[in-house]
Amino acid sequence: MGLDLERVQRNIRDAETSDLLDRITAYRPGMDPEAIALIEEELRRRGVTAEDLLTHAEHLKRTAIYLPNGTAARCCRCARPASVREDGWHYLWGWLPVIPRAYYNCANHAPATQVK
């Protein structure tokens, strides 16, 4: 299955700058090289500098949780990089706990007592 570059380009054009910065820094290791090039081009078009990219990447290195594959864990409620991990259960039919699992939350969705 190939990459639909037109669809990717539309998605990138419609995305907020902060979302593109997250994609190009926190999620870069899991991305297709063509998508990386398109995001970098869009960020340049929006006036984002190399220094802005570096600042964003450094911030994420301090705050985000990174997985063994090199990408940041995604918040379970949005697409932002997660900064808090909670252990919980996966429930079958909404009431039967069956599998222990980790839940990742960004700073916006983390419980107030766990925000760094």
PDB file of N, CA and C in Angstrom:
ATOM      1  N   MET A   1       0.848  -1.172   0.000  1.00  0.00           N
ATOM      2  CA  MET A   1       0.000   0.000   0.000  1.00  0.00           C
ATOM      3  C   MET A   1       0.894   1.235   0.000  1.00  0.00           C
ATOM      4  N   GLY A   2       0.681   2.123  -0.964  1.00  0.00           N
ATOM      5  CA  GLY A   2       1.507   3.313  -1.091  1.00  0.00           C
ATOM      6  C   GLY A   2       0.955   4.482  -0.290  1.00  0.00           C
ATOM      7  N   LEU A   3       1.772   5.485  -0.174  1.00  0.00           N
ATOM      8  CA  LEU A   3       1.408   6.695   0.548  1.00  0.00           C
ATOM      9  C   LEU A   3       0.631   7.609  -0.393  1.00  0.00           C
ATOM     10  N   ASP A   4      -0.539   8.055   0.012  1.00  0.00           N
ATOM     11  CA  ASP A   4      -1.353   8.980  -0.768  1.00  0.00           C
ATOM     12  C   ASP A   4      -0.864  10.395  -0.464  1.00  0.00           C
ATOM     13  N   LEU A   5       0.083  10.873  -1.282  1.00  0.00           N
ATOM     14  CA  LEU A   5       0.724  12.160  -1.014  1.00  0.00           C
ATOM     15  C   LEU A   5      -0.252  13.332  -1.074  1.00  0.00           C
ATOM     16  N   GLU A   6      -1.276  13.259  -1.932  1.00  0.00           N
ATOM     17  CA  GLU A   6      -2.258  14.338  -1.980  1.00  0.00           C
ATOM     18  C   GLU A   6      -3.029  14.432  -0.667  1.00  0.00           C
ATOM     19  N   ARG A   7      -3.434  13.287  -0.143  1.00  0.00           N
ATOM     20  CA  ARG A   7      -4.163  13.253   1.129  1.00  0.00           C
ATOM     21  C   ARG A   7      -3.271  13.745   2.268  1.00  0.00           C
ATOM     22  N   VAL A   8      -2.025  13.302   2.269  1.00  0.00           N
ATOM     23  CA  VAL A   8      -1.075  13.730   3.297  1.00  0.00           C
ATOM     24  C   VAL A   8      -0.863  15.236   3.208  1.00  0.00           C
ATOM     25  N   GLN A   9      -0.713  15.762   2.005  1.00  0.00           N
ATOM     26  CA  GLN A   9      -0.513  17.210   1.813  1.00  0.00           C
ATOM     27  C   GLN A   9      -1.710  18.005   2.326  1.00  0.00           C
ATOM     28  N   ARG A  10      -2.932  17.547   2.041  1.00  0.00           N
ATOM     29  CA  ARG A  10      -4.135  18.232   2.553  1.00  0.00           C
ATOM     30  C   ARG A  10      -4.158  18.217   4.079  1.00  0.00           C
ATOM     31  N   ASN A  11      -3.827  17.061   4.655  1.00  0.00           N
ATOM     32  CA  ASN A  11      -3.808  16.927   6.115  1.00  0.00           C
ATOM     33  C   ASN A  11      -2.794  17.885   6.730  1.00  0.00           C
ATOM     34  N   ILE A  12      -1.625  17.973   6.128  1.00  0.00           N
ATOM     35  CA  ILE A  12      -0.567  18.861   6.628  1.00  0.00           C
ATOM     36  C   ILE A  12      -0.991  20.312   6.515  1.00  0.00           C
ATOM     37  N   ARG A  13      -1.572  20.692   5.389  1.00  0.00           N
ATOM     38  CA  ARG A  13      -2.020  22.075   5.190  1.00  0.00           C
ATOM     39  C   ARG A  13      -3.075  22.478   6.216  1.00  0.00           C
ATOM     40  N   ASP A  14      -3.952  21.521   6.590  1.00  0.00           N
ATOM     41  CA  ASP A  14      -5.039  21.817   7.530  1.00  0.00           C
ATOM     42  C   ASP A  14      -4.610  21.748   8.994  1.00  0.00           C
ATOM     43  N   ALA A  15      -3.448  21.170   9.277  1.00  0.00           N
ATOM     44  CA  ALA A  15      -3.002  20.970  10.664  1.00  0.00           C
ATOM     45  C   ALA A  15      -2.501  22.268  11.286  1.00  0.00           C
ATOM     46  N   GLU A  16      -2.635  22.345  12.599  1.00  0.00           N
ATOM     47  CA  GLU A  16      -2.085  23.477  13.338  1.00  0.00           C
ATOM     48  C   GLU A  16      -0.562  23.352  13.375  1.00  0.00           C
ATOM     49  N   THR A  17       0.112  24.466  13.520  1.00  0.00           N
ATOM     50  CA  THR A  17       1.574  24.475  13.561  1.00  0.00           C
ATOM     51  C   THR A  17       2.102  23.638  14.719  1.00  0.00           C
ATOM     52  N   SER A  18       1.457  23.714  15.883  1.00  0.00           N
ATOM     53  CA  SER A  18       1.916  22.928  17.031  1.00  0.00           C
ATOM     54  C   SER A  18       1.829  21.431  16.752  1.00  0.00           C
ATOM     55  N   ASP A  19       0.793  21.008  16.025  1.00  0.00           N
ATOM     56  CA  ASP A  19       0.649  19.603  15.654  1.00  0.00           C
ATOM     57  C   ASP A  19       1.780  19.186  14.708  1.00  0.00           C
ATOM     58  N   LEU A  20       2.095  20.033  13.754  1.00  0.00           N
ATOM     59  CA  LEU A  20       3.185  19.725  12.817  1.00  0.00           C
ATOM     60  C   LEU A  20       4.532  19.657  13.537  1.00  0.00           C
ATOM     61  N   LEU A  21       4.734  20.545  14.507  1.00  0.00           N
ATOM     62  CA  LEU A  21       5.973  20.512  15.286  1.00  0.00           C
ATOM     63  C   LEU A  21       6.076  19.209  16.074  1.00  0.00           C
ATOM     64  N   ASP A  22       4.964  18.752  16.650  1.00  0.00           N
ATOM     65  CA  ASP A  22       4.969  17.463  17.358  1.00  0.00           C
ATOM     66  C   ASP A  22       5.292  16.329  16.404  1.00  0.00           C
ATOM     67  N   ARG A  23       4.665  16.335  15.239  1.00  0.00           N
ATOM     68  CA  ARG A  23       4.892  15.250  14.273  1.00  0.00           C
ATOM     69  C   ARG A  23       6.354  15.179  13.850  1.00  0.00           C
ATOM     70  N   ILE A  24       6.929  16.323  13.557  1.00  0.00           N
ATOM     71  CA  ILE A  24       8.280  16.335  12.999  1.00  0.00           C
ATOM     72  C   ILE A  24       9.351  16.102  14.054  1.00  0.00           C
ATOM     73  N   THR A  25       9.011  16.271  15.318  1.00  0.00           N
ATOM     74  CA  THR A  25       9.995  16.041  16.384  1.00  0.00           C
ATOM     75  C   THR A  25       9.692  14.741  17.123  1.00  0.00           C
ATOM     76  N   ALA A  26       8.553  14.642  17.772  1.00  0.00           N
ATOM     77  CA  ALA A  26       8.239  13.497  18.630  1.00  0.00           C
ATOM     78  C   ALA A  26       7.938  12.215  17.864  1.00  0.00           C
ATOM     79  N   TYR A  27       7.352  12.328  16.678  1.00  0.00           N
ATOM     80  CA  TYR A  27       6.926  11.140  15.940  1.00  0.00           C
ATOM     81  C   TYR A  27       7.745  10.860  14.684  1.00  0.00           C
ATOM     82  N   ARG A  28       8.804  11.611  14.480  1.00  0.00           N
ATOM     83  CA  ARG A  28       9.617  11.494  13.272  1.00  0.00           C
ATOM     84  C   ARG A  28      10.126  10.075  12.982  1.00  0.00           C
ATOM     85  N   PRO A  29      10.642   9.319  13.999  1.00  0.00           N
ATOM     86  CA  PRO A  29      11.172   7.986  13.687  1.00  0.00           C
ATOM     87  C   PRO A  29      10.168   7.036  13.041  1.00  0.00           C
ATOM     88  N   GLY A  30       8.879   7.243  13.255  1.00  0.00           N
ATOM     89  CA  GLY A  30       7.878   6.355  12.677  1.00  0.00           C
ATOM     90  C   GLY A  30       7.249   6.875  11.400  1.00  0.00           C
ATOM     91  N   MET A  31       7.781   7.967  10.862  1.00  0.00           N
ATOM     92  CA  MET A  31       7.154   8.596   9.700  1.00  0.00           C
ATOM     93  C   MET A  31       7.831   8.224   8.386  1.00  0.00           C
ATOM     94  N   ASP A  32       7.053   8.313   7.326  1.00  0.00           N
ATOM     95  CA  ASP A  32       7.533   8.090   5.975  1.00  0.00           C
ATOM     96  C   ASP A  32       8.402   9.280   5.558  1.00  0.00           C
ATOM     97  N   PRO A  33       9.533   9.048   4.875  1.00  0.00           N
ATOM     98  CA  PRO A  33      10.413  10.162   4.470  1.00  0.00           C
ATOM     99  C   PRO A  33       9.715  11.232   3.621  1.00  0.00           C
ATOM    100  N   GLU A  34       8.768  10.819   2.767  1.00  0.00           N
ATOM    101  CA  GLU A  34       8.055  11.806   1.947  1.00  0.00           C
ATOM    102  C   GLU A  34       7.195  12.706   2.833  1.00  0.00           C
ATOM    103  N   ALA A  35       6.558  12.136   3.848  1.00  0.00           N
ATOM    104  CA  ALA A  35       5.735  12.936   4.758  1.00  0.00           C
ATOM    105  C   ALA A  35       6.606  13.906   5.546  1.00  0.00           C
ATOM    106  N   ILE A  36       7.777  13.464   5.963  1.00  0.00           N
ATOM    107  CA  ILE A  36       8.707  14.348   6.682  1.00  0.00           C
ATOM    108  C   ILE A  36       9.066  15.550   5.820  1.00  0.00           C
ATOM    109  N   ALA A  37       9.378  15.293   4.559  1.00  0.00           N
ATOM    110  CA  ALA A  37       9.736  16.384   3.647  1.00  0.00           C
ATOM    111  C   ALA A  37       8.579  17.360   3.470  1.00  0.00           C
ATOM    112  N   LEU A  38       7.362  16.847   3.346  1.00  0.00           N
ATOM    113  CA  LEU A  38       6.196  17.717   3.184  1.00  0.00           C
ATOM    114  C   LEU A  38       5.954  18.568   4.438  1.00  0.00           C
ATOM    115  N   ILE A  39       6.107  17.975   5.612  1.00  0.00           N
ATOM    116  CA  ILE A  39       5.916  18.733   6.854  1.00  0.00           C
ATOM    117  C   ILE A  39       6.990  19.799   6.997  1.00  0.00           C
ATOM    118  N   GLU A  40       8.244  19.442   6.729  1.00  0.00           N
ATOM    119  CA  GLU A  40       9.323  20.429   6.813  1.00  0.00           C
ATOM    120  C   GLU A  40       9.076  21.592   5.864  1.00  0.00           C
ATOM    121  N   GLU A  41       8.611  21.289   4.662  1.00  0.00           N
ATOM    122  CA  GLU A  41       8.311  22.330   3.678  1.00  0.00           C
ATOM    123  C   GLU A  41       7.179  23.240   4.174  1.00  0.00           C
ATOM    124  N   GLU A  42       6.130  22.657   4.746  1.00  0.00           N
ATOM    125  CA  GLU A  42       5.006  23.447   5.258  1.00  0.00           C
ATOM    126  C   GLU A  42       5.434  24.323   6.436  1.00  0.00           C
ATOM    127  N   LEU A  43       6.254  23.768   7.318  1.00  0.00           N
ATOM    128  CA  LEU A  43       6.734  24.566   8.450  1.00  0.00           C
ATOM    129  C   LEU A  43       7.579  25.744   7.979  1.00  0.00           C
ATOM    130  N   ARG A  44       8.431  25.526   6.980  1.00  0.00           N
ATOM    131  CA  ARG A  44       9.218  26.645   6.415  1.00  0.00           C
ATOM    132  C   ARG A  44       8.283  27.692   5.824  1.00  0.00           C
ATOM    133  N   ARG A  45       7.242  27.225   5.117  1.00  0.00           N
ATOM    134  CA  ARG A  45       6.275  28.147   4.515  1.00  0.00           C
ATOM    135  C   ARG A  45       5.574  28.977   5.588  1.00  0.00           C
ATOM    136  N   ARG A  46       5.371  28.402   6.771  1.00  0.00           N
ATOM    137  CA  ARG A  46       4.714  29.112   7.873  1.00  0.00           C
ATOM    138  C   ARG A  46       5.689  29.958   8.685  1.00  0.00           C
ATOM    139  N   GLY A  47       6.957  29.948   8.318  1.00  0.00           N
ATOM    140  CA  GLY A  47       7.933  30.796   8.989  1.00  0.00           C
ATOM    141  C   GLY A  47       8.573  30.176  10.221  1.00  0.00           C
ATOM    142  N   VAL A  48       8.428  28.878  10.408  1.00  0.00           N
ATOM    143  CA  VAL A  48       9.053  28.199  11.540  1.00  0.00           C
ATOM    144  C   VAL A  48      10.530  28.006  11.219  1.00  0.00           C
ATOM    145  N   THR A  49      11.396  28.428  12.120  1.00  0.00           N
ATOM    146  CA  THR A  49      12.834  28.359  11.887  1.00  0.00           C
ATOM    147  C   THR A  49      13.420  27.069  12.454  1.00  0.00           C
ATOM    148  N   ALA A  50      14.656  26.791  12.096  1.00  0.00           N
ATOM    149  CA  ALA A  50      15.368  25.635  12.639  1.00  0.00           C
ATOM    150  C   ALA A  50      15.514  25.779  14.153  1.00  0.00           C
ATOM    151  N   GLU A  51      15.691  27.003  14.626  1.00  0.00           N
ATOM    152  CA  GLU A  51      15.784  27.240  16.070  1.00  0.00           C
ATOM    153  C   GLU A  51      14.465  26.905  16.774  1.00  0.00           C
ATOM    154  N   ASP A  52      13.337  27.240  16.134  1.00  0.00           N
ATOM    155  CA  ASP A  52      12.021  26.898  16.690  1.00  0.00           C
ATOM    156  C   ASP A  52      11.874  25.376  16.807  1.00  0.00           C
ATOM    157  N   LEU A  53      12.299  24.657  15.771  1.00  0.00           N
ATOM    158  CA  LEU A  53      12.253  23.192  15.791  1.00  0.00           C
ATOM    159  C   LEU A  53      13.104  22.631  16.918  1.00  0.00           C
ATOM    160  N   LEU A  54      14.301  23.153  17.061  1.00  0.00           N
ATOM    161  CA  LEU A  54      15.200  22.686  18.102  1.00  0.00           C
ATOM    162  C   LEU A  54      14.636  22.965  19.493  1.00  0.00           C
ATOM    163  N   THR A  55      14.074  24.139  19.682  1.00  0.00           N
ATOM    164  CA  THR A  55      13.461  24.492  20.965  1.00  0.00           C
ATOM    165  C   THR A  55      12.310  23.546  21.296  1.00  0.00           C
ATOM    166  N   HIS A  56      11.478  23.252  20.309  1.00  0.00           N
ATOM    167  CA  HIS A  56      10.353  22.342  20.521  1.00  0.00           C
ATOM    168  C   HIS A  56      10.856  20.932  20.851  1.00  0.00           C
ATOM    169  N   ALA A  57      11.857  20.477  20.123  1.00  0.00           N
ATOM    170  CA  ALA A  57      12.415  19.138  20.369  1.00  0.00           C
ATOM    171  C   ALA A  57      13.018  19.037  21.765  1.00  0.00           C
ATOM    172  N   GLU A  58      13.721  20.063  22.196  1.00  0.00           N
ATOM    173  CA  GLU A  58      14.317  20.057  23.541  1.00  0.00           C
ATOM    174  C   GLU A  58      13.242  20.040  24.617  1.00  0.00           C
ATOM    175  N   HIS A  59      12.173  20.804  24.401  1.00  0.00           N
ATOM    176  CA  HIS A  59      11.067  20.805  25.357  1.00  0.00           C
ATOM    177  C   HIS A  59      10.467  19.402  25.481  1.00  0.00           C
ATOM    178  N   LEU A  60      10.262  18.741  24.344  1.00  0.00           N
ATOM    179  CA  LEU A  60       9.687  17.395  24.372  1.00  0.00           C
ATOM    180  C   LEU A  60      10.637  16.385  25.015  1.00  0.00           C
ATOM    181  N   LYS A  61      11.935  16.551  24.810  1.00  0.00           N
ATOM    182  CA  LYS A  61      12.899  15.643  25.451  1.00  0.00           C
ATOM    183  C   LYS A  61      12.786  15.714  26.969  1.00  0.00           C
ATOM    184  N   ARG A  62      12.471  16.896  27.488  1.00  0.00           N
ATOM    185  CA  ARG A  62      12.344  17.073  28.938  1.00  0.00           C
ATOM    186  C   ARG A  62      10.992  16.606  29.470  1.00  0.00           C
ATOM    187  N   THR A  63       9.940  16.698  28.658  1.00  0.00           N
ATOM    188  CA  THR A  63       8.599  16.471  29.189  1.00  0.00           C
ATOM    189  C   THR A  63       7.888  15.219  28.680  1.00  0.00           C
ATOM    190  N   ALA A  64       8.205  14.774  27.492  1.00  0.00           N
ATOM    191  CA  ALA A  64       7.469  13.657  26.892  1.00  0.00           C
ATOM    192  C   ALA A  64       8.024  12.301  27.327  1.00  0.00           C
ATOM    193  N   ILE A  65       7.169  11.302  27.248  1.00  0.00           N
ATOM    194  CA  ILE A  65       7.563   9.916  27.511  1.00  0.00           C
ATOM    195  C   ILE A  65       7.886   9.284  26.163  1.00  0.00           C
ATOM    196  N   TYR A  66       9.098   8.762  26.035  1.00  0.00           N
ATOM    197  CA  TYR A  66       9.511   8.141  24.785  1.00  0.00           C
ATOM    198  C   TYR A  66       9.472   6.623  24.893  1.00  0.00           C
ATOM    199  N   LEU A  67       9.009   5.990  23.830  1.00  0.00           N
ATOM    200  CA  LEU A  67       8.911   4.538  23.752  1.00  0.00           C
ATOM    201  C   LEU A  67      10.222   3.958  23.237  1.00  0.00           C
ATOM    202  N   PRO A  68      10.429   2.643  23.373  1.00  0.00           N
ATOM    203  CA  PRO A  68      11.680   2.032  22.907  1.00  0.00           C
ATOM    204  C   PRO A  68      11.971   2.239  21.417  1.00  0.00           C
ATOM    205  N   ASN A  69      10.942   2.441  20.593  1.00  0.00           N
ATOM    206  CA  ASN A  69      11.177   2.641  19.157  1.00  0.00           C
ATOM    207  C   ASN A  69      11.620   4.061  18.816  1.00  0.00           C
ATOM    208  N   GLY A  70      11.743   4.934  19.831  1.00  0.00           N
ATOM    209  CA  GLY A  70      12.232   6.290  19.603  1.00  0.00           C
ATOM    210  C   GLY A  70      11.154   7.334  19.418  1.00  0.00           C
ATOM    211  N   THR A  71       9.901   6.927  19.303  1.00  0.00           N
ATOM    212  CA  THR A  71       8.819   7.896  19.169  1.00  0.00           C
ATOM    213  C   THR A  71       8.222   8.185  20.541  1.00  0.00           C
ATOM    214  N   ALA A  72       7.562   9.320  20.635  1.00  0.00           N
ATOM    215  CA  ALA A  72       6.897   9.674  21.894  1.00  0.00           C
ATOM    216  C   ALA A  72       5.597   8.893  22.012  1.00  0.00           C
ATOM    217  N   ALA A  73       5.232   8.548  23.233  1.00  0.00           N
ATOM    218  CA  ALA A  73       3.929   7.932  23.479  1.00  0.00           C
ATOM    219  C   ALA A  73       2.857   8.981  23.202  1.00  0.00           C
ATOM    220  N   ARG A  74       1.772   8.577  22.566  1.00  0.00           N
ATOM    221  CA  ARG A  74       0.666   9.495  22.279  1.00  0.00           C
ATOM    222  C   ARG A  74      -0.324   9.494  23.431  1.00  0.00           C
ATOM    223  N   CYS A  75      -0.876  10.649  23.683  1.00  0.00           N
ATOM    224  CA  CYS A  75      -1.949  10.779  24.660  1.00  0.00           C
ATOM    225  C   CYS A  75      -3.107   9.883  24.219  1.00  0.00           C
ATOM    226  N   CYS A  76      -3.752   9.222  25.169  1.00  0.00           N
ATOM    227  CA  CYS A  76      -4.868   8.341  24.816  1.00  0.00           C
ATOM    228  C   CYS A  76      -6.135   9.125  24.481  1.00  0.00           C
ATOM    229  N   ARG A  77      -6.120  10.450  24.664  1.00  0.00           N
ATOM    230  CA  ARG A  77      -7.304  11.260  24.387  1.00  0.00           C
ATOM    231  C   ARG A  77      -7.124  12.233  23.231  1.00  0.00           C
ATOM    232  N   CYS A  78      -5.880  12.453  22.809  1.00  0.00           N
ATOM    233  CA  CYS A  78      -5.611  13.339  21.674  1.00  0.00           C
ATOM    234  C   CYS A  78      -4.299  12.891  21.023  1.00  0.00           C
ATOM    235  N   ALA A  79      -3.808  13.644  20.072  1.00  0.00           N
ATOM    236  CA  ALA A  79      -2.596  13.247  19.345  1.00  0.00           C
ATOM    237  C   ALA A  79      -1.317  13.854  19.906  1.00  0.00           C
ATOM    238  N   ARG A  80      -1.405  14.583  21.015  1.00  0.00           N
ATOM    239  CA  ARG A  80      -0.220  15.225  21.599  1.00  0.00           C
ATOM    240  C   ARG A  80       0.701  14.187  22.237  1.00  0.00           C
ATOM    241  N   PRO A  81       1.995  14.497  22.345  1.00  0.00           N
ATOM    242  CA  PRO A  81       2.909  13.609  23.059  1.00  0.00           C
ATOM    243  C   PRO A  81       2.526  13.529  24.539  1.00  0.00           C
ATOM    244  N   ALA A  82       2.582  12.335  25.076  1.00  0.00           N
ATOM    245  CA  ALA A  82       2.200  12.118  26.473  1.00  0.00           C
ATOM    246  C   ALA A  82       3.324  12.514  27.418  1.00  0.00           C
ATOM    247  N   SER A  83       2.923  13.015  28.581  1.00  0.00           N
ATOM    248  CA  SER A  83       3.905  13.387  29.597  1.00  0.00           C
ATOM    249  C   SER A  83       3.668  12.645  30.912  1.00  0.00           C
ATOM    250  N   VAL A  84       2.559  11.898  30.995  1.00  0.00           N
ATOM    251  CA  VAL A  84       2.217  11.158  32.208  1.00  0.00           C
ATOM    252  C   VAL A  84       1.746   9.764  31.816  1.00  0.00           C
ATOM    253  N   ARG A  85       2.221   8.762  32.561  1.00  0.00           N
ATOM    254  CA  ARG A  85       1.771   7.386  32.351  1.00  0.00           C
ATOM    255  C   ARG A  85       0.995   6.940  33.595  1.00  0.00           C
ATOM    256  N   GLU A  86      -0.157   6.343  33.353  1.00  0.00           N
ATOM    257  CA  GLU A  86      -0.961   5.773  34.426  1.00  0.00           C
ATOM    258  C   GLU A  86      -1.178   4.292  34.125  1.00  0.00           C
ATOM    259  N   ASP A  87      -1.029   3.452  35.118  1.00  0.00           N
ATOM    260  CA  ASP A  87      -1.329   2.036  34.941  1.00  0.00           C
ATOM    261  C   ASP A  87      -2.794   1.813  35.266  1.00  0.00           C
ATOM    262  N   GLY A  88      -3.444   1.011  34.456  1.00  0.00           N
ATOM    263  CA  GLY A  88      -4.861   0.742  34.665  1.00  0.00           C
ATOM    264  C   GLY A  88      -5.232  -0.590  34.040  1.00  0.00           C
ATOM    265  N   TRP A  89      -6.477  -0.739  33.718  1.00  0.00           N
ATOM    266  CA  TRP A  89      -7.003  -1.982  33.163  1.00  0.00           C
ATOM    267  C   TRP A  89      -7.777  -1.711  31.890  1.00  0.00           C
ATOM    268  N   HIS A  90      -7.717  -2.679  30.982  1.00  0.00           N
ATOM    269  CA  HIS A  90      -8.605  -2.683  29.826  1.00  0.00           C
ATOM    270  C   HIS A  90      -9.839  -3.470  30.254  1.00  0.00           C
ATOM    271  N   TYR A  91     -11.009  -2.885  30.049  1.00  0.00           N
ATOM    272  CA  TYR A  91     -12.248  -3.519  30.497  1.00  0.00           C
ATOM    273  C   TYR A  91     -12.998  -4.136  29.328  1.00  0.00           C
ATOM    274  N   LEU A  92     -13.452  -5.347  29.524  1.00  0.00           N
ATOM    275  CA  LEU A  92     -14.286  -6.036  28.553  1.00  0.00           C
ATOM    276  C   LEU A  92     -15.733  -5.665  28.826  1.00  0.00           C
ATOM    277  N   TRP A  93     -16.447  -5.231  27.788  1.00  0.00           N
ATOM    278  CA  TRP A  93     -17.837  -4.790  27.893  1.00  0.00           C
ATOM    279  C   TRP A  93     -18.009  -3.651  28.884  1.00  0.00           C
ATOM    280  N   GLY A  94     -16.947  -2.922  29.144  1.00  0.00           N
ATOM    281  CA  GLY A  94     -17.037  -1.760  29.998  1.00  0.00           C
ATOM    282  C   GLY A  94     -17.084  -2.018  31.494  1.00  0.00           C
ATOM    283  N   TRP A  95     -17.040  -3.273  31.927  1.00  0.00           N
ATOM    284  CA  TRP A  95     -17.122  -3.523  33.365  1.00  0.00           C
ATOM    285  C   TRP A  95     -16.224  -4.636  33.875  1.00  0.00           C
ATOM    286  N   LEU A  96     -15.696  -5.498  33.002  1.00  0.00           N
ATOM    287  CA  LEU A  96     -14.876  -6.624  33.444  1.00  0.00           C
ATOM    288  C   LEU A  96     -13.401  -6.346  33.164  1.00  0.00           C
ATOM    289  N   PRO A  97     -12.581  -6.086  34.201  1.00  0.00           N
ATOM    290  CA  PRO A  97     -11.159  -5.824  33.960  1.00  0.00           C
ATOM    291  C   PRO A  97     -10.459  -7.109  33.517  1.00  0.00           C
ATOM    292  N   VAL A  98      -9.817  -7.071  32.343  1.00  0.00           N
ATOM    293  CA  VAL A  98      -9.206  -8.289  31.806  1.00  0.00           C
ATOM    294  C   VAL A  98      -7.709  -8.187  31.547  1.00  0.00           C
ATOM    295  N   ILE A  99      -7.220  -7.025  31.163  1.00  0.00           N
ATOM    296  CA  ILE A  99      -5.810  -6.895  30.793  1.00  0.00           C
ATOM    297  C   ILE A  99      -5.231  -5.630  31.420  1.00  0.00           C
ATOM    298  N   PRO A 100      -4.143  -5.772  32.197  1.00  0.00           N
ATOM    299  CA  PRO A 100      -3.499  -4.543  32.684  1.00  0.00           C
ATOM    300  C   PRO A 100      -2.872  -3.801  31.507  1.00  0.00           C
ATOM    301  N   ARG A 101      -2.918  -2.480  31.553  1.00  0.00           N
ATOM    302  CA  ARG A 101      -2.335  -1.695  30.469  1.00  0.00           C
ATOM    303  C   ARG A 101      -1.939  -0.318  30.965  1.00  0.00           C
ATOM    304  N   ALA A 102      -1.115   0.323  30.167  1.00  0.00           N
ATOM    305  CA  ALA A 102      -0.676   1.685  30.474  1.00  0.00           C
ATOM    306  C   ALA A 102      -1.547   2.666  29.698  1.00  0.00           C
ATOM    307  N   TYR A 103      -1.910   3.743  30.362  1.00  0.00           N
ATOM    308  CA  TYR A 103      -2.619   4.847  29.735  1.00  0.00           C
ATOM    309  C   TYR A 103      -1.692   6.047  29.760  1.00  0.00           C
ATOM    310  N   TYR A 104      -1.516   6.661  28.602  1.00  0.00           N
ATOM    311  CA  TYR A 104      -0.654   7.828  28.494  1.00  0.00           C
ATOM    312  C   TYR A 104      -1.509   9.073  28.310  1.00  0.00           C
ATOM    313  N   ASN A 105      -1.135  10.155  29.005  1.00  0.00           N
ATOM    314  CA  ASN A 105      -1.858  11.419  28.907  1.00  0.00           C
ATOM    315  C   ASN A 105      -0.890  12.567  28.672  1.00  0.00           C
ATOM    316  N   CYS A 106      -1.326  13.526  27.860  1.00  0.00           N
ATOM    317  CA  CYS A 106      -0.559  14.760  27.683  1.00  0.00           C
ATOM    318  C   CYS A 106      -0.815  15.655  28.890  1.00  0.00           C
ATOM    319  N   ALA A 107      -0.152  16.771  28.952  1.00  0.00           N
ATOM    320  CA  ALA A 107      -0.331  17.691  30.078  1.00  0.00           C
ATOM    321  C   ALA A 107      -1.762  18.206  30.165  1.00  0.00           C
ATOM    322  N   ASN A 108      -2.445  18.330  29.042  1.00  0.00           N
ATOM    323  CA  ASN A 108      -3.826  18.812  29.050  1.00  0.00           C
ATOM    324  C   ASN A 108      -4.805  17.792  29.619  1.00  0.00           C
ATOM    325  N   HIS A 109      -4.505  16.501  29.482  1.00  0.00           N
ATOM    326  CA  HIS A 109      -5.440  15.451  29.902  1.00  0.00           C
ATOM    327  C   HIS A 109      -4.995  14.692  31.140  1.00  0.00           C
ATOM    328  N   ALA A 110      -3.845  15.008  31.671  1.00  0.00           N
ATOM    329  CA  ALA A 110      -3.344  14.314  32.867  1.00  0.00           C
ATOM    330  C   ALA A 110      -4.110  14.772  34.098  1.00  0.00           C
ATOM    331  N   PRO A 111      -4.296  13.867  35.047  1.00  0.00           N
ATOM    332  CA  PRO A 111      -4.903  14.301  36.306  1.00  0.00           C
ATOM    333  C   PRO A 111      -4.043  15.409  36.935  1.00  0.00           C
ATOM    334  N   ALA A 112      -4.682  16.358  37.544  1.00  0.00           N
ATOM    335  CA  ALA A 112      -3.996  17.537  38.087  1.00  0.00           C
ATOM    336  C   ALA A 112      -2.895  17.168  39.071  1.00  0.00           C
ATOM    337  N   THR A 113      -3.025  16.055  39.761  1.00  0.00           N
ATOM    338  CA  THR A 113      -2.019  15.668  40.753  1.00  0.00           C
ATOM    339  C   THR A 113      -0.757  15.091  40.114  1.00  0.00           C
ATOM    340  N   GLN A 114      -0.800  14.752  38.812  1.00  0.00           N
ATOM    341  CA  GLN A 114       0.337  14.109  38.186  1.00  0.00           C
ATOM    342  C   GLN A 114       1.073  14.975  37.176  1.00  0.00           C
ATOM    343  N   VAL A 115       0.632  16.162  36.910  1.00  0.00           N
ATOM    344  CA  VAL A 115       1.287  17.021  35.932  1.00  0.00           C
ATOM    345  C   VAL A 115       2.644  17.446  36.466  1.00  0.00           C
ATOM    346  N   LYS A 116       3.654  17.318  35.606  1.00  0.00           N
ATOM    347  CA  LYS A 116       5.027  17.665  35.993  1.00  0.00           C
ATOM    348  C   LYS A 116       5.202  19.154  36.090  1.00  0.00           C
TER     349      LYS A 116
END
